[in-house]
Amino acid sequence: MTLIFRAVWNDQRPAPATLTAAFNEWCASKGFPDGSIPRRGRFVDSANHRWLEVRRADAEIGEAVRCTLHEELADGRTWTTTSTAMSTDGRETFWIDVECESPDQRPIELAAPRLVRLLLDGTGDPRREGALLSSSAAVLGPNHVETLVAQLRDPSRSVPIVVFSADERFPPAETIKRANAAAKTLAGLAQIYALSPEAEKAMERLVPQGFHVYGGAVRLYNSQVNFDDPADAYRHRWIARRVIDTHPRRAASILARRIAQFDTHPPVPTAWDELGGLLRRPSEEQIEERKASVSARTSRNAGEDSEGLNRRIDELMTLLAVAELQLDEHSARIRHLESELETKMGDHIDDVVELELARDEADRLRSTLRALWRGSASISLGPNTESLPLDPEDLPTPLNITEAVLLAQESMSHLVIPNSALQDLENLEQTAKDRIWAAAIWQGLMTLNAYSRAKANKEETAGIYQWCDQTGDWSLAKLAMTESETLKKNRDLWNKRLFEVDPIVSPNGRIHMESHLKIQAGGGLNIPRVYFLDETDRATGAVHIGFIGPHYLVPNSLK
């Protein structure tokens, strides 16, 4: 099981009673029959491959309830939602974990279960470290922006903040709709705000350039925003308007993946140290079963003398001591590994920031060179010289993979990129390399577009391989023109390279493609590939893109 969601917060309402009511309502909405949810104990729904369990603890130190729902779905995935509510020392604590076991590499959609929304949408005051949590967005006017900026600056803040800027193409209700969709998905994980047009302008005045959000875009502000360091802006994810235009929940999906990857799960509540032992106590049914088992063993060993029993007890005490020592050792090792992981993740993010800064500098230099070339060409080569096109070369490098592909569809007129070519881009965006890969995909598509445009202009070039060799626009080490004969003889592998294409190219609208760009040389299966077909010398006169997505969808073997 992999932990994919954890929300922890405190409230004013009595936690055990509130969770009990919400859990019962949630299970009823999932079709559990009336009266099947016990106050304490387990109910097994074998017909639907699921079970639920309720455990309770009531002691002098406090009261607690733990409700678990385990579901085995038809797609092979197993989901376990564990909800805990604890009341101790006048503190009401809620803790929801969602775990998933998946038999394949398909990305797991992260979203808050409806149970979380039921708990947050009540009449209480749910907060995590002072941050108010909700399953709906807060709409901010200009008078609220200073408070928002103060939240962003707060060095003690750990809850991510998501800000939706106003989209001038639509009324404010559309921005609120998108923000609310994200708030439902991220309930318990982040604070969601929607800016009015006036609030957007106010925020632009209050934060340094590079840190604000505008034009219908969305921004995720992680903890510890450092407005004094321009490079820190790269840590706070920007999602362009064009990326989320396709569907209101698009931003929510991207943000959820980003938070899941970089926002460490909240720690287990301190109340668990006091009440966890009581909740972990076996149920009465389990105790009775174990007592019967012990009684049976005792009957079998009734003739054993006291010396033998003492020897058995000594052996058991030895095993217990060894187990406790091993547990201490493993716990220390786990703490060490967690510390190492935190350090390496920090180093990794720093490396990514440096690479992004270097790429931005390279983009500025390329833009300067193009400007100089246009100026010198118009002076030295006369009026018949064609100036270099402004689009797409003069566009800034997109900030994420989806934006890169959508912008290429809009701006690269010498490429044909059907929507069917876009495969599992959201899975690629889960990694810390998404901006690096986005820039590389953008550069690769620009190379194919420039080659196709050169062929359309009757410039002398033999093929894409020779073009890359002559221009240096794309490394030959990351260009493959063919697949191996072994792969092509394997029908299953070869058919994974069968992609949609213009019927002018293939009457049935599909064709095998083997030429591809390796966005990253080497690496694992979760790295990008771009498959294409060169039709520049044929009817369409274009390069057709058949696939942009992770390598595991076009594997080289069936292992």
Protein backbone atom coordinates (compact mmCIF):
# COMPACT_ATOMS: atom_id res chain seq x y z
CA MET A 1 0.00 0.00 0.00
CA THR A 2 1.20 3.50 -0.87
CA LEU A 3 0.07 6.50 1.15
CA ILE A 4 -1.21 9.03 -1.38
CA PHE A 5 -3.28 11.38 0.78
CA ARG A 6 -3.08 12.59 4.36
CA ALA A 7 -5.04 15.41 5.93
CA VAL A 8 -4.73 16.40 9.58
CA TRP A 9 -6.56 19.26 11.28
CA ASN A 10 -8.18 20.45 14.48
CA ASP A 11 -11.73 21.65 14.96
CA GLN A 12 -14.10 22.86 17.65
CA ARG A 13 -16.74 20.16 17.21
CA PRO A 14 -16.52 16.88 19.21
CA ALA A 15 -14.33 14.83 16.92
CA PRO A 16 -15.49 11.21 17.53
CA ALA A 17 -19.20 12.03 17.19
CA THR A 18 -18.61 14.23 14.13
CA LEU A 19 -16.55 11.57 12.35
CA THR A 20 -19.06 8.83 13.18
CA ALA A 21 -21.91 10.79 11.59
CA ALA A 22 -19.86 11.72 8.50
CA PHE A 23 -18.50 8.18 8.03
CA ASN A 24 -22.01 6.72 8.20
CA GLU A 25 -23.27 9.23 5.64
CA TRP A 26 -20.28 8.56 3.35
CA CYS A 27 -20.73 4.78 3.46
CA ALA A 28 -24.46 5.12 2.86
CA SER A 29 -23.71 7.15 -0.28
CA LYS A 30 -21.55 4.22 -1.43
CA GLY A 31 -24.46 1.82 -1.19
CA PHE A 32 -23.88 0.13 2.16
CA PRO A 33 -27.27 -1.07 3.42
CA ASP A 34 -28.98 0.59 6.37
CA GLY A 35 -27.85 -0.83 9.69
CA SER A 36 -24.70 -2.44 8.24
CA ILE A 37 -22.30 0.06 9.78
CA PRO A 38 -21.58 -1.13 13.33
CA ARG A 39 -20.87 1.15 16.24
CA ARG A 40 -17.93 -1.12 16.96
CA GLY A 41 -16.74 -4.06 14.87
CA ARG A 42 -16.46 -5.13 11.23
CA PHE A 43 -18.91 -5.53 8.36
CA VAL A 44 -17.82 -7.51 5.27
CA ASP A 45 -19.55 -6.91 1.93
CA SER A 46 -18.17 -9.91 0.02
CA ALA A 47 -20.37 -9.36 -3.02
CA ASN A 48 -18.76 -5.97 -3.67
CA HIS A 49 -15.26 -6.92 -2.46
CA ARG A 50 -15.12 -4.45 0.38
CA TRP A 51 -15.27 -4.23 4.15
CA LEU A 52 -15.46 -1.60 6.82
CA GLU A 53 -14.40 -1.55 10.44
CA VAL A 54 -15.05 0.77 13.38
CA ARG A 55 -12.87 0.81 16.51
CA ARG A 56 -13.47 2.91 19.58
CA ALA A 57 -11.59 3.89 22.71
CA ASP A 58 -13.00 5.69 25.73
CA ALA A 59 -10.68 6.25 28.68
CA GLU A 60 -9.87 8.85 31.29
CA ILE A 61 -7.28 10.46 29.00
CA GLY A 62 -9.73 10.92 26.14
CA GLU A 63 -12.02 9.43 23.52
CA ALA A 64 -11.22 8.22 20.00
CA VAL A 65 -12.76 6.43 17.02
CA ARG A 66 -11.09 4.93 13.96
CA CYS A 67 -13.21 4.10 10.89
CA THR A 68 -11.68 2.14 8.00
CA LEU A 69 -13.13 1.43 4.54
CA HIS A 70 -11.30 -1.10 2.33
CA GLU A 71 -12.37 -1.42 -1.33
CA GLU A 72 -11.10 -3.73 -4.09
CA LEU A 73 -12.15 -2.27 -7.44
CA ALA A 74 -12.69 -3.90 -10.81
CA ASP A 75 -9.61 -2.18 -12.29
CA GLY A 76 -7.37 -4.14 -9.91
CA ARG A 77 -6.66 -1.31 -7.53
CA THR A 78 -7.22 -1.55 -3.79
CA TRP A 79 -8.14 1.56 -1.81
CA THR A 80 -8.06 1.88 1.97
CA THR A 81 -9.37 5.02 3.66
CA THR A 82 -8.59 5.26 7.37
CA SER A 83 -10.26 8.07 9.30
CA THR A 84 -9.42 8.81 12.91
CA ALA A 85 -10.96 11.31 15.33
CA MET A 86 -9.53 11.98 18.80
CA SER A 87 -10.66 14.12 21.68
CA THR A 88 -8.12 14.72 24.43
CA ASP A 89 -7.20 17.64 26.70
CA GLY A 90 -9.87 19.80 25.10
CA ARG A 91 -8.34 19.32 21.65
CA GLU A 92 -10.42 17.85 18.81
CA THR A 93 -8.26 16.22 16.12
CA PHE A 94 -9.14 14.72 12.73
CA TRP A 95 -6.77 12.56 10.69
CA ILE A 96 -7.60 11.02 7.27
CA ASP A 97 -5.24 8.70 5.34
CA VAL A 98 -5.88 7.24 1.88
CA GLU A 99 -3.71 4.38 0.64
CA CYS A 100 -3.75 2.68 -2.75
CA GLU A 101 -2.25 -0.49 -4.13
CA SER A 102 -2.07 -0.52 -7.94
CA PRO A 103 -1.07 -3.49 -10.11
CA ASP A 104 0.30 -1.32 -12.93
CA GLN A 105 2.11 1.95 -13.64
CA ARG A 106 -0.98 4.02 -14.37
CA PRO A 107 -0.86 7.31 -12.48
CA ILE A 108 -3.06 7.43 -9.40
CA GLU A 109 -5.47 10.36 -9.39
CA LEU A 110 -5.06 12.19 -6.11
CA ALA A 111 -8.26 13.69 -4.77
CA ALA A 112 -9.73 14.22 -1.35
CA PRO A 113 -12.41 11.61 -0.56
CA ARG A 114 -15.93 12.94 -0.10
CA LEU A 115 -15.56 12.05 3.58
CA VAL A 116 -13.05 14.89 3.98
CA ARG A 117 -15.41 17.36 2.34
CA LEU A 118 -18.25 16.24 4.61
CA LEU A 119 -16.06 16.93 7.64
CA LEU A 120 -14.77 20.30 6.44
CA ASP A 121 -18.11 21.64 5.24
CA GLY A 122 -19.83 21.46 8.61
CA THR A 123 -20.40 24.21 11.14
CA GLY A 124 -16.99 23.97 12.77
CA ASP A 125 -13.70 25.82 12.34
CA PRO A 126 -11.29 23.27 10.77
CA ARG A 127 -7.69 24.51 10.87
CA ARG A 128 -4.20 23.12 10.35
CA GLU A 129 -1.57 25.18 12.14
CA GLY A 130 -3.90 28.15 12.08
CA ALA A 131 -4.74 27.87 8.36
CA LEU A 132 -8.47 27.61 7.71
CA LEU A 133 -9.32 24.54 5.59
CA SER A 134 -12.33 24.29 3.29
CA SER A 135 -13.59 22.43 0.24
CA SER A 136 -14.50 25.70 -1.47
CA ALA A 137 -12.39 28.65 -2.56
CA ALA A 138 -12.22 31.98 -0.77
CA VAL A 139 -12.88 34.92 -3.10
CA LEU A 140 -10.57 37.87 -2.39
CA GLY A 141 -11.11 41.53 -3.14
CA PRO A 142 -8.37 44.19 -3.12
CA ASN A 143 -8.77 44.79 0.63
CA HIS A 144 -7.83 41.17 1.41
CA VAL A 145 -4.60 40.99 -0.59
CA GLU A 146 -2.32 42.32 2.13
CA THR A 147 -3.49 39.50 4.40
CA LEU A 148 -2.80 36.97 1.62
CA VAL A 149 0.72 38.33 1.05
CA ALA A 150 1.38 38.18 4.79
CA GLN A 151 0.35 34.51 4.72
CA LEU A 152 2.74 33.85 1.85
CA ARG A 153 5.58 35.53 3.74
CA ASP A 154 4.93 33.69 7.01
CA PRO A 155 8.02 31.49 7.58
CA SER A 156 6.05 29.12 9.82
CA ARG A 157 3.40 28.35 7.19
CA SER A 158 3.35 24.72 6.03
CA VAL A 159 -0.02 24.56 4.26
CA PRO A 160 0.31 25.22 0.49
CA ILE A 161 -1.61 28.19 -0.92
CA VAL A 162 -3.17 28.13 -4.41
CA VAL A 163 -4.16 31.42 -6.06
CA PHE A 164 -6.39 31.66 -9.16
CA SER A 165 -6.01 34.94 -11.03
CA ALA A 166 -8.89 36.60 -12.86
CA ASP A 167 -9.47 35.58 -16.49
CA GLU A 168 -10.48 38.72 -18.37
CA ARG A 169 -12.19 36.66 -21.11
CA PHE A 170 -14.90 35.48 -18.74
CA PRO A 171 -16.96 36.85 -15.86
CA PRO A 172 -15.53 36.33 -12.34
CA ALA A 173 -17.90 33.37 -11.85
CA GLU A 174 -15.74 31.28 -14.22
CA THR A 175 -12.60 31.88 -12.13
CA ILE A 176 -14.54 30.95 -9.00
CA LYS A 177 -15.83 27.78 -10.70
CA ARG A 178 -12.29 26.65 -11.48
CA ALA A 179 -11.07 27.55 -8.00
CA ASN A 180 -13.92 25.60 -6.37
CA ALA A 181 -13.14 22.55 -8.51
CA ALA A 182 -9.55 22.67 -7.25
CA ALA A 183 -10.71 23.20 -3.67
CA LYS A 184 -12.81 20.03 -3.78
CA THR A 185 -9.85 18.00 -5.08
CA LEU A 186 -7.39 19.51 -2.60
CA ALA A 187 -9.71 19.62 0.43
CA GLY A 188 -7.64 19.30 3.59
CA LEU A 189 -4.34 19.78 1.71
CA ALA A 190 -4.23 23.43 0.68
CA GLN A 191 -5.90 26.84 0.92
CA ILE A 192 -7.53 27.98 -2.33
CA TYR A 193 -8.10 31.63 -3.25
CA ALA A 194 -9.72 33.29 -6.28
CA LEU A 195 -8.68 36.87 -7.02
CA SER A 196 -11.03 39.50 -8.34
CA PRO A 197 -9.55 41.64 -11.18
CA GLU A 198 -8.92 44.45 -8.67
CA ALA A 199 -7.27 42.05 -6.21
CA GLU A 200 -5.01 40.75 -8.97
CA LYS A 201 -3.74 44.28 -9.66
CA ALA A 202 -3.24 44.88 -5.93
CA MET A 203 -1.21 41.68 -5.57
CA GLU A 204 1.00 42.67 -8.53
CA ARG A 205 1.88 45.86 -6.65
CA LEU A 206 2.62 44.07 -3.37
CA VAL A 207 4.88 41.19 -4.49
CA PRO A 208 8.12 41.32 -6.50
CA GLN A 209 8.15 40.62 -10.23
CA GLY A 210 8.17 36.91 -10.90
CA PHE A 211 6.13 35.99 -7.81
CA HIS A 212 2.66 37.27 -8.75
CA VAL A 213 -0.01 35.54 -10.84
CA TYR A 214 -2.15 37.08 -13.59
CA GLY A 215 -4.08 36.57 -16.82
CA GLY A 216 -6.20 33.61 -15.77
CA ALA A 217 -3.20 31.58 -14.64
CA VAL A 218 -2.93 29.65 -11.38
CA ARG A 219 -0.03 29.54 -8.94
CA LEU A 220 0.87 27.12 -6.19
CA TYR A 221 2.85 28.79 -3.39
CA ASN A 222 4.79 26.25 -1.35
CA SER A 223 5.94 27.04 2.17
CA GLN A 224 8.74 29.50 2.97
CA VAL A 225 8.36 31.92 0.05
CA ASN A 226 11.49 34.06 -0.21
CA PHE A 227 10.54 37.24 -2.05
CA ASP A 228 14.12 38.52 -1.68
CA ASP A 229 15.52 35.74 -3.88
CA PRO A 230 14.32 35.87 -7.54
CA ALA A 231 15.41 32.26 -8.05
CA ASP A 232 12.91 31.13 -5.39
CA ALA A 233 10.06 31.92 -7.80
CA TYR A 234 10.83 28.65 -9.61
CA ARG A 235 9.67 26.62 -6.60
CA HIS A 236 6.15 28.02 -6.80
CA ARG A 237 4.38 26.31 -9.68
CA TRP A 238 2.74 28.44 -12.38
CA ILE A 239 -0.01 26.91 -14.55
CA ALA A 240 -0.78 28.95 -17.65
CA ARG A 241 -4.33 29.74 -18.70
CA ARG A 242 -4.15 27.71 -21.90
CA VAL A 243 -3.35 24.58 -19.92
CA ILE A 244 -6.53 24.72 -17.84
CA ASP A 245 -8.88 25.97 -20.56
CA THR A 246 -9.75 22.42 -21.59
CA HIS A 247 -11.61 21.52 -18.38
CA PRO A 248 -12.40 23.23 -15.05
CA ARG A 249 -10.76 20.38 -13.10
CA ARG A 250 -7.57 20.48 -15.15
CA ALA A 251 -5.79 22.82 -12.72
CA ALA A 252 -6.91 20.70 -9.77
CA SER A 253 -5.36 17.57 -11.27
CA ILE A 254 -2.01 19.25 -11.93
CA LEU A 255 -1.92 20.92 -8.51
CA ALA A 256 -2.78 17.70 -6.70
CA ARG A 257 0.13 15.88 -8.33
CA ARG A 258 2.49 18.72 -7.51
CA ILE A 259 1.43 18.81 -3.85
CA ALA A 260 1.63 15.01 -3.58
CA GLN A 261 5.21 15.09 -4.79
CA PHE A 262 6.69 18.04 -2.96
CA ASP A 263 4.50 18.64 0.06
CA THR A 264 5.53 16.16 2.75
CA HIS A 265 2.60 14.55 4.53
CA PRO A 266 1.63 16.19 7.82
CA PRO A 267 2.98 14.36 10.85
CA VAL A 268 0.81 11.93 12.77
CA PRO A 269 -1.16 13.91 15.40
CA THR A 270 0.37 13.98 18.88
CA ALA A 271 -2.94 12.74 20.30
CA TRP A 272 -2.23 9.41 18.62
CA ASP A 273 0.62 8.81 21.07
CA GLU A 274 -1.90 8.84 23.90
CA LEU A 275 -4.91 7.13 22.32
CA GLY A 276 -3.40 5.04 19.54
CA GLY A 277 -2.65 2.11 21.83
CA LEU A 278 -6.28 1.90 22.88
CA LEU A 279 -7.52 1.95 19.29
CA ARG A 280 -5.01 -0.68 18.23
CA ARG A 281 -6.31 -3.03 20.92
CA PRO A 282 -7.75 -6.13 19.25
CA SER A 283 -11.52 -6.39 18.96
CA GLU A 284 -13.51 -8.56 21.33
CA GLU A 285 -13.98 -11.14 18.54
CA GLN A 286 -10.22 -11.31 17.92
CA ILE A 287 -9.54 -11.66 21.66
CA GLU A 288 -12.05 -14.50 22.04
CA GLU A 289 -10.56 -16.30 18.99
CA ARG A 290 -7.06 -15.98 20.41
CA LYS A 291 -8.20 -17.15 23.87
CA ALA A 292 -9.74 -20.24 22.32
CA SER A 293 -6.49 -20.90 20.40
CA VAL A 294 -4.39 -20.48 23.57
CA SER A 295 -6.77 -22.74 25.50
CA ALA A 296 -6.41 -25.45 22.87
CA ARG A 297 -2.62 -25.25 22.95
CA THR A 298 -2.66 -25.32 26.75
CA SER A 299 -4.76 -28.47 26.73
CA ARG A 300 -2.32 -30.14 24.38
CA ASN A 301 0.62 -29.18 26.61
CA ALA A 302 -1.11 -29.99 29.92
CA GLY A 303 1.33 -32.80 30.65
CA GLU A 304 4.42 -30.63 30.20
CA ASP A 305 6.40 -30.21 33.45
CA SER A 306 7.17 -26.85 35.04
CA GLU A 307 10.80 -27.00 33.89
CA GLY A 308 9.69 -27.28 30.29
CA LEU A 309 7.25 -24.38 30.69
CA ASN A 310 9.94 -22.19 32.25
CA ARG A 311 12.28 -23.03 29.39
CA ARG A 312 9.58 -22.06 26.88
CA ILE A 313 8.95 -18.78 28.71
CA ASP A 314 12.68 -18.02 28.68
CA GLU A 315 12.83 -18.67 24.94
CA LEU A 316 9.87 -16.36 24.36
CA MET A 317 11.44 -13.61 26.51
CA THR A 318 14.65 -13.94 24.50
CA LEU A 319 12.75 -13.60 21.22
CA LEU A 320 10.91 -10.56 22.58
CA ALA A 321 14.18 -8.88 23.63
CA VAL A 322 15.72 -9.55 20.20
CA ALA A 323 12.60 -8.18 18.46
CA GLU A 324 12.65 -4.99 20.56
CA LEU A 325 16.35 -4.43 19.86
CA GLN A 326 15.79 -4.97 16.15
CA LEU A 327 12.85 -2.57 16.24
CA ASP A 328 15.04 0.12 17.84
CA GLU A 329 17.71 -0.47 15.20
CA HIS A 330 15.23 -0.31 12.33
CA SER A 331 13.58 2.81 13.75
CA ALA A 332 16.94 4.57 13.95
CA ARG A 333 17.72 3.48 10.39
CA ILE A 334 14.38 4.79 9.15
CA ARG A 335 15.02 8.17 10.80
CA HIS A 336 18.46 8.29 9.18
CA LEU A 337 17.05 7.46 5.74
CA GLU A 338 14.29 10.04 6.11
CA SER A 339 16.90 12.67 6.95
CA GLU A 340 19.01 11.64 3.96
CA LEU A 341 15.98 11.74 1.67
CA GLU A 342 15.06 15.24 2.82
CA THR A 343 18.60 16.45 2.16
CA LYS A 344 18.81 14.82 -1.27
CA MET A 345 15.40 16.18 -2.26
CA GLY A 346 16.53 19.67 -1.30
CA ASP A 347 19.73 19.25 -3.32
CA HIS A 348 17.73 17.89 -6.25
CA ILE A 349 15.35 20.85 -6.25
CA ASP A 350 18.34 23.24 -6.09
CA ASP A 351 19.85 21.49 -9.14
CA VAL A 352 16.57 21.81 -11.04
CA VAL A 353 16.41 25.53 -10.23
CA GLU A 354 19.96 26.02 -11.53
CA LEU A 355 19.14 24.15 -14.74
CA GLU A 356 16.03 26.25 -15.26
CA LEU A 357 17.97 29.47 -14.72
CA ALA A 358 20.60 28.30 -17.21
CA ARG A 359 17.92 27.41 -19.75
CA ASP A 360 16.26 30.81 -19.33
CA GLU A 361 19.61 32.46 -19.96
CA ALA A 362 20.08 30.30 -23.07
CA ASP A 363 16.62 31.36 -24.29
CA ARG A 364 17.55 35.02 -23.85
CA LEU A 365 20.78 34.51 -25.75
CA ARG A 366 18.98 32.71 -28.59
CA SER A 367 16.46 35.54 -28.77
CA THR A 368 19.30 38.08 -28.94
CA LEU A 369 21.04 36.12 -31.69
CA ARG A 370 17.84 35.93 -33.73
CA ALA A 371 17.33 39.67 -33.33
CA LEU A 372 20.92 40.33 -34.44
CA TRP A 373 20.51 37.95 -37.36
CA ARG A 374 17.35 39.68 -38.52
CA GLY A 375 19.05 43.05 -38.29
CA SER A 376 22.23 42.00 -40.06
CA ALA A 377 20.35 40.03 -42.71
CA SER A 378 18.20 42.99 -43.63
CA ILE A 379 21.30 45.19 -43.95
CA SER A 380 23.76 42.89 -45.67
CA LEU A 381 21.59 40.61 -47.77
CA GLY A 382 19.12 43.09 -49.19
CA PRO A 383 15.35 43.35 -49.34
CA ASN A 384 14.78 39.88 -50.86
CA THR A 385 16.01 38.10 -47.74
CA GLU A 386 13.26 36.44 -45.71
CA SER A 387 13.27 37.45 -42.07
CA LEU A 388 13.14 34.69 -39.50
CA PRO A 389 9.60 34.05 -38.25
CA LEU A 390 8.62 35.55 -34.93
CA ASP A 391 6.47 32.59 -33.98
CA PRO A 392 7.22 30.20 -32.31
CA GLU A 393 10.96 30.93 -31.91
CA ASP A 394 10.35 34.24 -30.18
CA LEU A 395 7.92 32.79 -27.66
CA PRO A 396 9.21 32.17 -24.13
CA THR A 397 9.90 28.56 -23.19
CA PRO A 398 6.73 27.02 -21.71
CA LEU A 399 6.78 26.23 -18.02
CA ASN A 400 5.24 22.74 -18.15
CA ILE A 401 4.79 19.87 -20.58
CA THR A 402 1.09 20.33 -21.30
CA GLU A 403 1.59 24.01 -21.98
CA ALA A 404 4.50 23.21 -24.33
CA VAL A 405 2.41 20.79 -26.38
CA LEU A 406 -0.71 22.98 -26.49
CA LEU A 407 1.36 26.01 -27.51
CA ALA A 408 3.04 23.93 -30.22
CA GLN A 409 -0.37 22.95 -31.57
CA GLU A 410 -1.27 26.64 -31.78
CA SER A 411 1.96 28.07 -33.14
CA MET A 412 3.86 25.44 -35.15
CA SER A 413 2.07 25.47 -38.48
CA HIS A 414 4.42 22.96 -40.12
CA LEU A 415 3.61 20.23 -37.61
CA VAL A 416 0.45 18.14 -37.34
CA ILE A 417 -0.22 17.27 -33.68
CA PRO A 418 -3.58 15.56 -33.09
CA ASN A 419 -4.98 15.49 -29.57
CA SER A 420 -4.67 11.70 -29.62
CA ALA A 421 -0.87 12.11 -29.61
CA LEU A 422 -0.96 13.52 -26.08
CA GLN A 423 -0.61 10.53 -23.74
CA ASP A 424 -0.30 10.61 -19.94
CA LEU A 425 1.30 14.06 -19.90
CA GLU A 426 0.01 14.55 -16.37
CA ASN A 427 2.06 11.56 -15.24
CA LEU A 428 5.22 13.18 -16.63
CA GLU A 429 4.36 16.37 -14.78
CA GLN A 430 4.51 14.58 -11.44
CA THR A 431 8.31 14.67 -11.44
CA ALA A 432 10.65 17.47 -10.44
CA LYS A 433 11.94 17.43 -14.02
CA ASP A 434 8.69 18.56 -15.62
CA ARG A 435 10.02 22.04 -16.47
CA ILE A 436 13.27 20.62 -17.81
CA TRP A 437 11.38 18.09 -19.91
CA ALA A 438 8.89 20.75 -21.03
CA ALA A 439 11.74 22.89 -22.35
CA ALA A 440 13.32 19.88 -24.09
CA ILE A 441 10.01 18.83 -25.70
CA TRP A 442 9.49 22.42 -26.83
CA GLN A 443 12.99 22.52 -28.35
CA GLY A 444 12.45 19.16 -30.06
CA LEU A 445 9.14 20.23 -31.58
CA MET A 446 10.68 23.55 -32.70
CA THR A 447 13.44 21.56 -34.42
CA LEU A 448 10.92 19.41 -36.30
CA ASN A 449 8.89 22.52 -37.20
CA ALA A 450 11.99 24.40 -38.44
CA TYR A 451 12.99 21.39 -40.57
CA SER A 452 9.48 21.09 -42.03
CA ARG A 453 9.37 24.81 -42.74
CA ALA A 454 12.76 24.64 -44.46
CA LYS A 455 11.49 21.84 -46.71
CA ALA A 456 8.36 23.89 -47.52
CA ASN A 457 10.62 26.82 -48.48
CA LYS A 458 12.57 24.50 -50.81
CA GLU A 459 15.73 24.81 -48.79
CA GLU A 460 18.21 22.07 -49.61
CA THR A 461 18.22 19.41 -46.92
CA ALA A 462 18.13 15.63 -47.23
CA GLY A 463 16.22 14.68 -44.08
CA ILE A 464 15.71 15.36 -40.41
CA TYR A 465 18.87 13.46 -39.40
CA GLN A 466 21.01 15.56 -41.76
CA TRP A 467 19.19 18.71 -40.63
CA CYS A 468 20.02 18.07 -36.99
CA ASP A 469 23.61 17.21 -37.93
CA GLN A 470 24.04 20.44 -39.90
CA THR A 471 22.20 22.85 -37.62
CA GLY A 472 22.90 21.33 -34.21
CA ASP A 473 19.30 22.12 -33.22
CA TRP A 474 18.87 18.65 -31.71
CA SER A 475 21.50 16.20 -30.49
CA LEU A 476 21.91 13.17 -32.74
CA ALA A 477 22.41 11.10 -29.59
CA LYS A 478 18.76 11.80 -28.75
CA LEU A 479 17.37 11.12 -32.24
CA ALA A 480 16.37 7.61 -33.38
CA MET A 481 15.23 7.16 -36.97
CA THR A 482 14.33 3.45 -36.72
CA GLU A 483 13.41 0.76 -34.22
CA SER A 484 15.27 -2.53 -33.98
CA GLU A 485 14.26 -5.44 -36.21
CA THR A 486 13.66 -7.54 -33.10
CA LEU A 487 11.14 -5.00 -31.82
CA LYS A 488 9.35 -4.73 -35.17
CA LYS A 489 8.98 -8.51 -35.35
CA ASN A 490 7.17 -8.50 -31.99
CA ARG A 491 3.55 -7.70 -32.88
CA ASP A 492 2.60 -6.41 -29.42
CA LEU A 493 5.56 -4.03 -29.21
CA TRP A 494 5.28 -2.90 -32.83
CA ASN A 495 1.55 -2.16 -32.51
CA LYS A 496 2.28 0.17 -29.60
CA ARG A 497 3.85 2.40 -32.29
CA LEU A 498 0.58 2.50 -34.29
CA PHE A 499 -0.64 6.10 -34.08
CA GLU A 500 -3.37 8.30 -35.50
CA VAL A 501 -2.49 10.15 -38.70
CA ASP A 502 -4.21 12.22 -41.40
CA PRO A 503 -6.19 9.94 -43.77
CA ILE A 504 -4.26 11.54 -46.61
CA VAL A 505 -1.19 9.77 -45.22
CA SER A 506 -2.91 6.45 -44.47
CA PRO A 507 -6.47 5.62 -45.61
CA ASN A 508 -7.39 3.92 -42.32
CA GLY A 509 -6.14 6.90 -40.30
CA ARG A 510 -3.40 4.99 -38.46
CA ILE A 511 0.21 4.20 -39.27
CA HIS A 512 3.27 2.76 -37.55
CA MET A 513 5.93 5.30 -36.58
CA GLU A 514 9.46 4.46 -35.52
CA SER A 515 11.37 7.76 -35.75
CA HIS A 516 11.42 9.45 -32.36
CA LEU A 517 13.05 12.07 -30.18
CA LYS A 518 14.52 10.91 -26.88
CA ILE A 519 13.74 13.84 -24.61
CA GLN A 520 16.17 12.40 -22.10
CA ALA A 521 18.82 9.92 -23.17
CA GLY A 522 18.79 6.79 -21.03
CA GLY A 523 16.78 6.79 -17.84
CA GLY A 524 13.77 4.71 -16.89
CA LEU A 525 10.37 4.11 -18.38
CA ASN A 526 8.86 7.30 -16.99
CA ILE A 527 10.74 9.64 -19.32
CA PRO A 528 9.27 11.36 -22.40
CA ARG A 529 9.37 10.19 -26.02
CA VAL A 530 8.12 12.03 -29.13
CA TYR A 531 7.30 9.82 -32.15
CA PHE A 532 6.95 11.45 -35.57
CA LEU A 533 6.54 10.73 -39.29
CA ASP A 534 8.33 12.81 -41.95
CA GLU A 535 5.85 13.52 -44.75
CA THR A 536 7.52 16.70 -45.97
CA ASP A 537 8.18 15.21 -49.43
CA ARG A 538 4.64 13.87 -49.77
CA ALA A 539 1.06 15.10 -49.99
CA THR A 540 0.75 16.90 -46.64
CA GLY A 541 4.22 18.45 -46.73
CA ALA A 542 4.43 18.32 -42.94
CA VAL A 543 5.89 16.38 -40.03
CA HIS A 544 3.17 14.38 -38.25
CA ILE A 545 3.46 13.82 -34.49
CA GLY A 546 1.98 10.50 -33.39
CA PHE A 547 2.93 10.30 -29.74
CA ILE A 548 4.12 12.55 -26.91
CA GLY A 549 4.20 10.76 -23.58
CA PRO A 550 6.10 8.49 -21.19
CA HIS A 551 8.36 5.74 -22.47
CA TYR A 552 6.45 3.02 -20.63
CA LEU A 553 3.58 3.38 -23.14
CA VAL A 554 6.00 2.56 -25.97
CA PRO A 555 8.32 0.04 -24.27
CA ASN A 556 11.18 -1.81 -25.93
CA SER A 557 10.32 -5.07 -24.17
CA LEU A 558 7.35 -6.75 -22.51
CA LYS A 559 9.07 -7.35 -19.16
